[in-house]
Amino acid sequence: MKKNLVILSLVVLASISILKTADALDLQLIRQDKGYFSINAPKGWDLYVAGQCAELAFVLRDRENHLRQIFYFGSIGPVYMSHEQKQIDIRYMQMGGYPISWIEMPVISPLTPENFLANFERIISTPIARQFMPQAPKLSDFTLISSTAVSSQISGGQAALTRALFAKGGAVGEGQFTCTTAPFMQHMGGPGGGNGYAFMVSGITAPLEEFAVLQPVLAESLSSFVVSPQYVQQSMAASQAAFEQVVRAGQTLRETSEMIVQGWRARNRTHDVIAQKRSDAMLGYSRVYNPDNDEIYHVDPAFWDEYDKSRHLYEMRDLEILSGNDYQQWTRVPRNQAEIR
């Protein structure tokens, strides 16, 4: 009787979880107008804005689940391109030189879109970045799944569309990101050089198990970003370079959205399997397969070790560690180990 109650409770909890997920996936886009720009944002999501002109940035985030988010940064930096340059700047300040505001920025060598995104958490954790936007996404444990080089709009820059995993609060998120990196000041042997920037950094993310469903609407929201004509005029009055960056932002996000959608449709399906395997590694799980009922289960190492030594105590005695690269098996939502009888 007790065992039946446990199973019933698990079924009820699973049903509640499914209902919550279904509600979460039904995103309705509502126009948010900030005066100088507007965007179709998922209803109920928080919008954070920082900077202006070429440094304009925004983050849209679901307050119920921070893995669901959309973001854009016009420019981020400078960051160091070599340890030698950072040491020069540190010694310069120690000798009484003027403060260098980016001294705590990390060294990213080589300065590529993939390396920049892999160091994104370190970048936005610096005092100067926290002051600029404390709500910036952290992208902890950034784990690259795939990267495709795309045309750069910055002279001498490198641009890429990437797909990656990241961790937050014991869960794994998946996202698609675009980024352009370029040198700014070359290394000259003195302080203040040897650095670079990232431009037009954007991303759409969601929990791993939701991303395939949410990806189209997140991309649609990103593409709806529009800057007001008045803001463009103000940027033009401030500087020609800032004006060009602001005008480019709206077009860039529309193009980025199309690129994200096309990239997702044309993705290599083996990368879906790789994403699931890397997610399990990040969470410390294994997947096991039951050939009797064709079900997949998530198990932790301690449970599997105990089960494998005591199979005779279970009704399900033929579980095996899931191996190979079967797409259908690896992309199926695993059951909880508590359901193993």
Protein backbone atom coordinates (compact mmCIF):
# COMPACT_ATOMS: atom_id res chain seq x y z
CA MET A 1 0.00 0.00 0.00
CA LYS A 2 2.82 2.40 0.97
CA LYS A 3 4.63 1.64 -2.28
CA ASN A 4 1.47 2.41 -4.27
CA LEU A 5 1.09 5.75 -2.47
CA VAL A 6 4.68 6.65 -3.32
CA ILE A 7 4.12 5.82 -6.98
CA LEU A 8 0.85 7.80 -6.98
CA SER A 9 2.63 10.79 -5.44
CA LEU A 10 5.32 10.64 -8.12
CA VAL A 11 2.66 10.56 -10.83
CA VAL A 12 0.90 13.60 -9.31
CA LEU A 13 4.18 15.52 -9.04
CA ALA A 14 5.05 14.63 -12.61
CA SER A 15 1.62 15.84 -13.78
CA ILE A 16 2.07 19.15 -11.95
CA SER A 17 5.52 19.57 -13.48
CA ILE A 18 4.14 18.91 -16.98
CA LEU A 19 1.37 21.48 -16.45
CA LYS A 20 3.85 24.10 -15.24
CA THR A 21 6.10 23.43 -18.22
CA ALA A 22 3.17 23.71 -20.63
CA ASP A 23 2.18 27.07 -19.12
CA ALA A 24 5.76 28.31 -19.30
CA LEU A 25 6.09 27.39 -22.97
CA ASP A 26 2.98 29.35 -23.95
CA LEU A 27 4.81 32.67 -24.32
CA GLN A 28 2.77 35.67 -25.44
CA LEU A 29 4.75 38.58 -26.89
CA ILE A 30 3.67 42.05 -25.74
CA ARG A 31 5.08 45.31 -27.14
CA GLN A 32 7.22 47.16 -24.59
CA ASP A 33 8.03 50.76 -25.50
CA LYS A 34 10.85 52.45 -23.60
CA GLY A 35 10.57 55.66 -25.63
CA TYR A 36 13.95 55.40 -27.33
CA PHE A 37 13.48 51.75 -28.29
CA SER A 38 10.77 49.12 -28.27
CA ILE A 39 10.65 45.32 -28.38
CA ASN A 40 8.06 42.54 -28.36
CA ALA A 41 8.78 40.95 -24.98
CA PRO A 42 7.32 37.78 -23.46
CA LYS A 43 4.46 38.74 -21.17
CA GLY A 44 5.45 38.99 -17.51
CA TRP A 45 9.21 39.08 -18.18
CA ASP A 46 11.41 41.73 -16.59
CA LEU A 47 13.26 44.17 -18.86
CA TYR A 48 16.58 45.66 -17.73
CA VAL A 49 18.28 48.42 -19.74
CA ALA A 50 21.72 50.03 -19.46
CA GLY A 51 23.97 52.31 -21.50
CA GLN A 52 23.17 54.41 -24.50
CA CYS A 53 24.09 54.81 -28.15
CA ALA A 54 26.84 52.29 -29.03
CA GLU A 55 26.80 50.88 -25.48
CA LEU A 56 23.05 50.28 -25.31
CA ALA A 57 22.26 46.94 -23.65
CA PHE A 58 19.13 45.13 -22.54
CA VAL A 59 18.23 41.89 -20.80
CA LEU A 60 14.77 40.30 -20.90
CA ARG A 61 14.29 37.59 -18.27
CA ASP A 62 11.51 35.39 -16.95
CA ARG A 63 11.22 36.21 -13.25
CA GLU A 64 9.98 32.65 -12.60
CA ASN A 65 12.94 30.94 -14.28
CA HIS A 66 16.12 32.92 -14.96
CA LEU A 67 17.31 30.38 -17.52
CA ARG A 68 14.74 31.89 -19.89
CA GLN A 69 16.23 35.12 -21.19
CA ILE A 70 17.03 37.30 -24.19
CA PHE A 71 19.88 39.79 -24.19
CA TYR A 72 21.86 42.23 -26.31
CA PHE A 73 24.99 44.31 -25.61
CA GLY A 74 26.14 46.84 -28.20
CA SER A 75 29.72 46.63 -26.99
CA ILE A 76 31.61 45.09 -24.07
CA GLY A 77 35.17 45.91 -23.10
CA PRO A 78 37.97 46.56 -23.26
CA VAL A 79 39.39 43.17 -22.26
CA TYR A 80 43.04 42.20 -22.28
CA MET A 81 44.49 40.23 -25.17
CA SER A 82 47.69 39.17 -23.37
CA HIS A 83 48.98 38.58 -19.83
CA GLU A 84 52.04 40.70 -20.66
CA GLN A 85 49.87 43.76 -21.30
CA LYS A 86 47.92 43.31 -18.09
CA GLN A 87 51.16 43.10 -16.10
CA ILE A 88 52.39 46.30 -17.76
CA ASP A 89 49.21 48.09 -16.72
CA ILE A 90 49.38 46.74 -13.16
CA ARG A 91 53.01 47.88 -12.76
CA TYR A 92 52.14 51.28 -14.23
CA MET A 93 49.41 51.79 -11.63
CA GLN A 94 51.64 50.52 -8.81
CA MET A 95 54.21 53.14 -9.78
CA GLY A 96 51.65 55.91 -9.34
CA GLY A 97 50.15 56.05 -12.82
CA TYR A 98 46.56 57.00 -13.56
CA PRO A 99 43.92 54.37 -12.68
CA ILE A 100 43.02 52.05 -15.56
CA SER A 101 39.29 51.38 -15.23
CA TRP A 102 39.41 47.99 -16.96
CA ILE A 103 42.36 46.63 -14.94
CA GLU A 104 40.23 43.81 -13.48
CA MET A 105 39.06 42.58 -16.88
CA PRO A 106 40.32 39.08 -17.76
CA VAL A 107 42.87 38.13 -20.37
CA ILE A 108 41.20 36.53 -23.40
CA SER A 109 43.77 35.01 -25.69
CA PRO A 110 43.14 34.56 -28.49
CA LEU A 111 40.30 37.09 -28.60
CA THR A 112 37.69 35.05 -30.47
CA PRO A 113 33.89 35.00 -30.11
CA GLU A 114 34.06 31.52 -28.55
CA ASN A 115 36.71 32.51 -25.99
CA PHE A 116 34.88 35.73 -25.18
CA LEU A 117 31.64 33.88 -24.42
CA ALA A 118 33.52 31.24 -22.41
CA ASN A 119 34.84 34.10 -20.24
CA PHE A 120 31.55 36.00 -20.13
CA GLU A 121 30.94 35.22 -16.45
CA ARG A 122 34.38 36.55 -15.50
CA ILE A 123 33.79 39.71 -17.53
CA ILE A 124 30.39 40.62 -16.10
CA SER A 125 31.59 39.83 -12.56
CA THR A 126 34.12 42.68 -12.61
CA PRO A 127 33.23 45.84 -10.67
CA ILE A 128 33.01 47.98 -13.82
CA ALA A 129 30.61 45.50 -15.46
CA ARG A 130 28.46 45.07 -12.33
CA GLN A 131 28.14 48.84 -12.08
CA PHE A 132 27.06 49.01 -15.71
CA MET A 133 24.41 46.26 -15.46
CA PRO A 134 24.11 44.10 -12.34
CA GLN A 135 21.42 41.97 -14.04
CA ALA A 136 23.71 40.80 -16.86
CA PRO A 137 23.52 37.02 -17.51
CA LYS A 138 26.38 35.03 -16.00
CA LEU A 139 26.57 31.98 -18.28
CA SER A 140 28.44 29.92 -15.68
CA ASP A 141 30.28 26.77 -16.87
CA PHE A 142 29.85 27.84 -20.50
CA THR A 143 30.16 24.66 -22.54
CA LEU A 144 30.42 25.01 -26.31
CA ILE A 145 28.38 22.62 -28.47
CA SER A 146 28.99 24.12 -31.91
CA SER A 147 30.21 27.31 -33.55
CA THR A 148 29.79 28.68 -37.06
CA ALA A 149 31.82 31.60 -38.39
CA VAL A 150 29.69 34.38 -39.91
CA SER A 151 30.48 37.62 -41.71
CA SER A 152 31.88 40.36 -39.45
CA GLN A 153 30.57 43.93 -39.72
CA ILE A 154 33.64 45.20 -37.84
CA SER A 155 36.88 45.71 -39.73
CA GLY A 156 39.42 43.15 -38.55
CA GLY A 157 36.83 41.40 -36.43
CA GLN A 158 35.71 37.79 -36.06
CA ALA A 159 32.02 36.91 -35.75
CA ALA A 160 30.34 33.62 -34.89
CA LEU A 161 26.99 32.01 -34.15
CA THR A 162 27.44 29.56 -31.30
CA ARG A 163 25.33 26.99 -29.51
CA ALA A 164 26.26 26.24 -25.91
CA LEU A 165 25.17 25.06 -22.48
CA PHE A 166 25.57 26.88 -19.18
CA ALA A 167 24.67 26.22 -15.54
CA LYS A 168 22.59 28.11 -13.00
CA GLY A 169 21.12 27.03 -9.69
CA GLY A 170 21.74 23.32 -10.24
CA ALA A 171 20.06 23.36 -13.66
CA VAL A 172 21.40 23.49 -17.21
CA GLY A 173 20.38 26.06 -19.79
CA GLU A 174 20.89 25.98 -23.54
CA GLY A 175 21.31 28.95 -25.81
CA GLN A 176 22.33 30.38 -29.14
CA PHE A 177 24.68 33.34 -29.08
CA THR A 178 26.20 35.77 -31.55
CA CYS A 179 29.33 37.80 -30.92
CA THR A 180 31.88 39.84 -32.86
CA THR A 181 35.34 40.37 -31.38
CA ALA A 182 38.00 42.80 -32.60
CA PRO A 183 41.26 44.35 -31.38
CA PHE A 184 41.02 47.95 -30.20
CA MET A 185 44.48 49.14 -29.11
CA GLN A 186 47.50 47.18 -30.27
CA HIS A 187 50.25 46.14 -27.87
CA MET A 188 52.88 48.91 -27.85
CA GLY A 189 55.01 47.96 -24.86
CA GLY A 190 53.45 50.64 -22.66
CA PRO A 191 50.27 51.00 -20.59
CA GLY A 192 46.83 51.28 -22.12
CA GLY A 193 47.28 49.05 -25.17
CA GLY A 194 46.87 45.39 -26.03
CA ASN A 195 43.11 45.25 -25.61
CA GLY A 196 39.96 44.53 -27.58
CA TYR A 197 36.17 44.59 -27.54
CA ALA A 198 33.19 42.41 -28.26
CA PHE A 199 30.42 44.01 -30.29
CA MET A 200 26.77 43.14 -30.88
CA VAL A 201 26.72 40.36 -28.29
CA SER A 202 23.29 38.71 -28.23
CA GLY A 203 21.74 35.54 -26.92
CA ILE A 204 18.53 33.62 -26.40
CA THR A 205 18.45 30.95 -23.68
CA ALA A 206 16.09 28.54 -21.94
CA PRO A 207 16.25 25.37 -19.86
CA LEU A 208 17.82 22.60 -21.93
CA GLU A 209 14.61 20.59 -22.13
CA GLU A 210 12.61 23.65 -23.31
CA PHE A 211 14.98 25.31 -25.74
CA ALA A 212 13.86 23.50 -28.91
CA VAL A 213 10.26 24.59 -28.26
CA LEU A 214 11.00 28.16 -27.13
CA GLN A 215 13.73 28.93 -29.67
CA PRO A 216 11.43 30.33 -32.43
CA VAL A 217 9.53 32.75 -30.17
CA LEU A 218 12.71 33.91 -28.41
CA ALA A 219 14.29 34.62 -31.80
CA GLU A 220 11.12 36.45 -32.88
CA SER A 221 11.31 38.66 -29.79
CA LEU A 222 14.98 39.47 -30.44
CA SER A 223 14.24 40.44 -34.05
CA SER A 224 11.49 42.89 -33.00
CA PHE A 225 13.96 45.35 -31.41
CA VAL A 226 13.46 48.81 -32.95
CA VAL A 227 15.25 52.08 -32.11
CA SER A 228 13.19 55.29 -32.32
CA PRO A 229 14.08 57.91 -34.97
CA GLN A 230 14.55 60.50 -32.21
CA TYR A 231 17.16 58.34 -30.51
CA VAL A 232 18.98 57.86 -33.78
CA GLN A 233 19.09 61.64 -34.22
CA GLN A 234 20.47 62.10 -30.71
CA SER A 235 23.14 59.51 -31.36
CA MET A 236 24.03 61.19 -34.65
CA ALA A 237 24.40 64.51 -32.81
CA ALA A 238 26.68 62.83 -30.25
CA SER A 239 29.00 61.25 -32.80
CA GLN A 240 28.93 59.70 -36.24
CA ALA A 241 30.37 56.42 -34.93
CA ALA A 242 27.66 56.12 -32.28
CA PHE A 243 24.99 56.93 -34.84
CA GLU A 244 26.20 54.19 -37.17
CA GLN A 245 26.27 51.70 -34.28
CA VAL A 246 22.70 52.51 -33.22
CA VAL A 247 21.37 52.29 -36.77
CA ARG A 248 23.20 48.99 -37.19
CA ALA A 249 21.76 47.56 -33.94
CA GLY A 250 18.19 47.16 -35.15
CA GLN A 251 19.26 45.71 -38.49
CA THR A 252 21.79 43.46 -36.77
CA LEU A 253 19.23 41.95 -34.43
CA ARG A 254 16.82 41.25 -37.28
CA GLU A 255 19.61 39.59 -39.23
CA THR A 256 20.79 37.81 -36.09
CA SER A 257 17.31 36.44 -35.45
CA GLU A 258 17.10 35.07 -38.99
CA MET A 259 20.58 33.59 -38.65
CA ILE A 260 19.67 31.98 -35.31
CA VAL A 261 16.49 30.43 -36.72
CA GLN A 262 18.20 29.19 -39.89
CA GLY A 263 21.14 27.87 -37.89
CA TRP A 264 18.81 25.95 -35.58
CA ARG A 265 16.88 24.40 -38.46
CA ALA A 266 20.08 23.38 -40.21
CA ARG A 267 21.84 22.16 -37.07
CA ASN A 268 23.62 18.83 -37.02
CA ARG A 269 21.38 16.48 -35.02
CA THR A 270 24.41 14.82 -33.47
CA HIS A 271 24.92 18.11 -31.62
CA ASP A 272 21.57 17.50 -29.88
CA VAL A 273 22.99 14.26 -28.51
CA ILE A 274 26.24 15.97 -27.54
CA ALA A 275 24.25 18.64 -25.68
CA GLN A 276 22.39 16.00 -23.65
CA LYS A 277 25.61 14.15 -22.78
CA ARG A 278 27.38 17.33 -21.70
CA SER A 279 24.36 18.40 -19.68
CA ASP A 280 24.47 15.08 -17.80
CA ALA A 281 28.18 15.58 -17.14
CA MET A 282 27.57 19.09 -15.79
CA LEU A 283 24.84 17.82 -13.44
CA GLY A 284 26.68 14.63 -12.45
CA TYR A 285 24.00 12.30 -13.84
CA SER A 286 24.03 9.16 -15.94
CA ARG A 287 21.23 7.87 -18.14
CA VAL A 288 20.13 4.27 -17.96
CA TYR A 289 17.91 2.36 -20.35
CA ASN A 290 15.28 -0.23 -19.48
CA PRO A 291 14.90 -2.62 -22.45
CA ASP A 292 11.70 -4.05 -20.93
CA ASN A 293 9.67 -0.85 -21.14
CA ASP A 294 11.88 1.24 -23.48
CA GLU A 295 12.21 4.01 -20.85
CA ILE A 296 15.19 6.21 -20.01
CA TYR A 297 16.02 7.24 -16.43
CA HIS A 298 18.33 9.83 -14.89
CA VAL A 299 20.39 8.35 -12.04
CA ASP A 300 23.19 9.66 -9.84
CA PRO A 301 26.41 7.64 -9.41
CA ALA A 302 25.62 6.52 -5.85
CA PHE A 303 22.24 5.11 -6.88
CA TRP A 304 23.69 3.30 -9.89
CA ASP A 305 26.49 1.71 -7.84
CA GLU A 306 23.97 0.43 -5.29
CA TYR A 307 21.55 -0.77 -7.97
CA ASP A 308 24.25 -2.55 -9.97
CA LYS A 309 25.35 -4.50 -6.89
CA SER A 310 21.78 -5.37 -5.82
CA ARG A 311 19.80 -5.91 -9.04
CA HIS A 312 18.03 -8.91 -7.51
CA LEU A 313 16.18 -6.56 -5.13
CA TYR A 314 14.51 -4.68 -7.98
CA GLU A 315 11.70 -5.55 -10.38
CA MET A 316 13.67 -3.72 -13.08
CA ARG A 317 16.75 -5.93 -13.14
CA ASP A 318 17.99 -5.30 -16.67
CA LEU A 319 18.84 -1.60 -16.64
CA GLU A 320 21.96 -0.64 -18.56
CA ILE A 321 23.96 2.56 -18.91
CA LEU A 322 22.78 4.34 -22.06
CA SER A 323 25.55 4.38 -24.64
CA GLY A 324 25.84 5.07 -28.34
CA ASN A 325 24.29 8.07 -30.11
CA ASP A 326 20.70 7.09 -30.78
CA TYR A 327 18.92 10.41 -31.37
CA GLN A 328 15.50 9.27 -30.18
CA GLN A 329 16.83 7.84 -26.94
CA TRP A 330 19.09 10.75 -26.06
CA THR A 331 16.53 13.48 -26.79
CA ARG A 332 13.76 11.81 -24.79
CA VAL A 333 13.00 13.44 -21.41
CA PRO A 334 14.42 11.04 -18.78
CA ARG A 335 12.36 9.75 -15.88
CA ASN A 336 13.49 10.20 -12.28
CA GLN A 337 15.48 7.45 -10.55
CA ALA A 338 12.77 7.34 -7.86
CA GLU A 339 10.54 5.62 -10.44
CA ILE A 340 12.91 2.65 -10.70
CA ARG A 341 11.21 -0.23 -8.91
